[in-house]
Amino acid sequence: MEDVAEAAVVLHTRRSLVPAIIERVNKDNPYDAPQVLAVPVVEGHPGYRQ
């Protein structure tokens, strides 16, 4: 068991940049498998989505 500080980060980006984000997280994160998720937007405020 470890006691370390963590932070959640939410990024809005293009799908094409996800591999670069994963590569960067792998270099800078101490975990063997850091939690990186790419989640599609299925619905949202019409004005924001435009």
N, C-alpha and C. Protein backbone atom coordinates (compact mmCIF):
# COMPACT_ATOMS: atom_id res chain seq x y z
N MET A 1 0.84 -1.16 0.00
CA MET A 1 0.00 0.00 0.00
C MET A 1 0.89 1.23 0.00
N GLU A 2 0.50 2.23 -0.78
CA GLU A 2 1.26 3.48 -0.86
C GLU A 2 0.37 4.64 -0.46
N ASP A 3 0.99 5.67 0.04
CA ASP A 3 0.29 6.90 0.37
C ASP A 3 0.93 8.02 -0.43
N VAL A 4 0.35 8.30 -1.60
CA VAL A 4 0.91 9.33 -2.48
C VAL A 4 -0.19 10.27 -2.92
N ALA A 5 0.19 11.48 -3.26
CA ALA A 5 -0.78 12.45 -3.76
C ALA A 5 -1.12 12.13 -5.22
N GLU A 6 -2.37 12.28 -5.57
CA GLU A 6 -2.81 12.06 -6.95
C GLU A 6 -3.67 13.24 -7.38
N ALA A 7 -3.79 13.40 -8.68
CA ALA A 7 -4.65 14.44 -9.23
C ALA A 7 -5.38 13.89 -10.44
N ALA A 8 -6.63 14.27 -10.59
CA ALA A 8 -7.39 13.91 -11.78
C ALA A 8 -7.27 15.05 -12.79
N VAL A 9 -7.07 14.70 -14.03
CA VAL A 9 -6.93 15.69 -15.10
C VAL A 9 -7.89 15.33 -16.22
N VAL A 10 -8.64 16.31 -16.69
CA VAL A 10 -9.56 16.10 -17.81
C VAL A 10 -9.06 16.97 -18.96
N LEU A 11 -8.83 16.35 -20.09
CA LEU A 11 -8.35 17.07 -21.27
C LEU A 11 -9.38 17.00 -22.37
N HIS A 12 -9.60 18.09 -23.04
CA HIS A 12 -10.42 18.10 -24.25
C HIS A 12 -9.42 18.12 -25.40
N THR A 13 -9.45 17.10 -26.23
CA THR A 13 -8.47 17.03 -27.30
C THR A 13 -9.05 16.28 -28.50
N ARG A 14 -8.26 16.19 -29.52
CA ARG A 14 -8.65 15.44 -30.71
C ARG A 14 -8.25 13.97 -30.53
N ARG A 15 -9.02 13.11 -31.16
CA ARG A 15 -8.74 11.67 -31.10
C ARG A 15 -7.32 11.36 -31.56
N SER A 16 -6.85 12.10 -32.55
CA SER A 16 -5.52 11.84 -33.11
C SER A 16 -4.39 12.12 -32.12
N LEU A 17 -4.66 12.89 -31.06
CA LEU A 17 -3.63 13.22 -30.08
C LEU A 17 -3.59 12.26 -28.89
N VAL A 18 -4.56 11.37 -28.78
CA VAL A 18 -4.61 10.46 -27.63
C VAL A 18 -3.35 9.61 -27.52
N PRO A 19 -2.83 9.02 -28.60
CA PRO A 19 -1.60 8.24 -28.45
C PRO A 19 -0.43 9.05 -27.88
N ALA A 20 -0.30 10.30 -28.27
CA ALA A 20 0.79 11.14 -27.74
C ALA A 20 0.58 11.42 -26.25
N ILE A 21 -0.67 11.60 -25.85
CA ILE A 21 -0.96 11.82 -24.43
C ILE A 21 -0.61 10.59 -23.63
N ILE A 22 -0.98 9.43 -24.12
CA ILE A 22 -0.66 8.17 -23.43
C ILE A 22 0.85 8.00 -23.34
N GLU A 23 1.57 8.29 -24.39
CA GLU A 23 3.04 8.18 -24.38
C GLU A 23 3.63 9.10 -23.31
N ARG A 24 3.15 10.33 -23.25
CA ARG A 24 3.66 11.29 -22.27
C ARG A 24 3.35 10.84 -20.85
N VAL A 25 2.12 10.37 -20.62
CA VAL A 25 1.75 9.90 -19.29
C VAL A 25 2.62 8.71 -18.89
N ASN A 26 2.91 7.82 -19.81
CA ASN A 26 3.77 6.67 -19.50
C ASN A 26 5.16 7.11 -19.07
N LYS A 27 5.67 8.19 -19.65
CA LYS A 27 7.01 8.67 -19.28
C LYS A 27 7.01 9.36 -17.92
N ASP A 28 5.95 10.08 -17.60
CA ASP A 28 5.94 10.94 -16.42
C ASP A 28 5.18 10.38 -15.22
N ASN A 29 4.63 9.17 -15.32
CA ASN A 29 3.79 8.62 -14.28
C ASN A 29 4.47 7.39 -13.68
N PRO A 30 4.46 7.25 -12.35
CA PRO A 30 5.13 6.11 -11.73
C PRO A 30 4.35 4.79 -11.83
N TYR A 31 3.09 4.82 -12.22
CA TYR A 31 2.29 3.58 -12.26
C TYR A 31 2.63 2.74 -13.48
N ASP A 32 2.50 1.43 -13.36
CA ASP A 32 2.70 0.53 -14.49
C ASP A 32 1.62 0.72 -15.55
N ALA A 33 0.40 0.99 -15.11
CA ALA A 33 -0.72 1.19 -16.03
C ALA A 33 -1.55 2.38 -15.56
N PRO A 34 -1.11 3.61 -15.87
CA PRO A 34 -1.88 4.78 -15.45
C PRO A 34 -3.25 4.81 -16.11
N GLN A 35 -4.22 5.35 -15.41
CA GLN A 35 -5.58 5.41 -15.94
C GLN A 35 -5.69 6.56 -16.94
N VAL A 36 -5.76 6.19 -18.20
CA VAL A 36 -5.99 7.15 -19.28
C VAL A 36 -7.16 6.62 -20.09
N LEU A 37 -8.22 7.39 -20.20
CA LEU A 37 -9.41 6.96 -20.91
C LEU A 37 -9.76 7.99 -21.97
N ALA A 38 -10.12 7.53 -23.15
CA ALA A 38 -10.67 8.39 -24.20
C ALA A 38 -12.16 8.07 -24.27
N VAL A 39 -12.98 9.06 -23.96
CA VAL A 39 -14.42 8.86 -23.85
C VAL A 39 -15.12 9.70 -24.90
N PRO A 40 -15.94 9.09 -25.75
CA PRO A 40 -16.66 9.87 -26.75
C PRO A 40 -17.78 10.69 -26.12
N VAL A 41 -18.06 11.81 -26.71
CA VAL A 41 -19.21 12.63 -26.29
C VAL A 41 -20.43 12.11 -27.04
N VAL A 42 -21.43 11.68 -26.30
CA VAL A 42 -22.64 11.14 -26.94
C VAL A 42 -23.79 12.14 -26.93
N GLU A 43 -23.69 13.15 -26.07
CA GLU A 43 -24.72 14.18 -26.01
C GLU A 43 -24.15 15.37 -25.27
N GLY A 44 -24.73 16.52 -25.51
CA GLY A 44 -24.26 17.73 -24.83
C GLY A 44 -25.12 18.91 -25.20
N HIS A 45 -24.85 20.03 -24.57
CA HIS A 45 -25.58 21.26 -24.84
C HIS A 45 -25.35 21.63 -26.30
N PRO A 46 -26.41 21.88 -27.06
CA PRO A 46 -26.24 22.16 -28.50
C PRO A 46 -25.29 23.33 -28.79
N GLY A 47 -25.37 24.39 -28.01
CA GLY A 47 -24.49 25.53 -28.24
C GLY A 47 -23.03 25.19 -28.01
N TYR A 48 -22.76 24.39 -27.00
CA TYR A 48 -21.38 24.00 -26.71
C TYR A 48 -20.83 23.07 -27.80
N ARG A 49 -21.67 22.15 -28.26
CA ARG A 49 -21.21 21.18 -29.26
C ARG A 49 -20.92 21.84 -30.60
N GLN A 50 -21.55 22.98 -30.89
CA GLN A 50 -21.28 23.67 -32.15
C GLN A 50 -19.95 24.37 -32.06
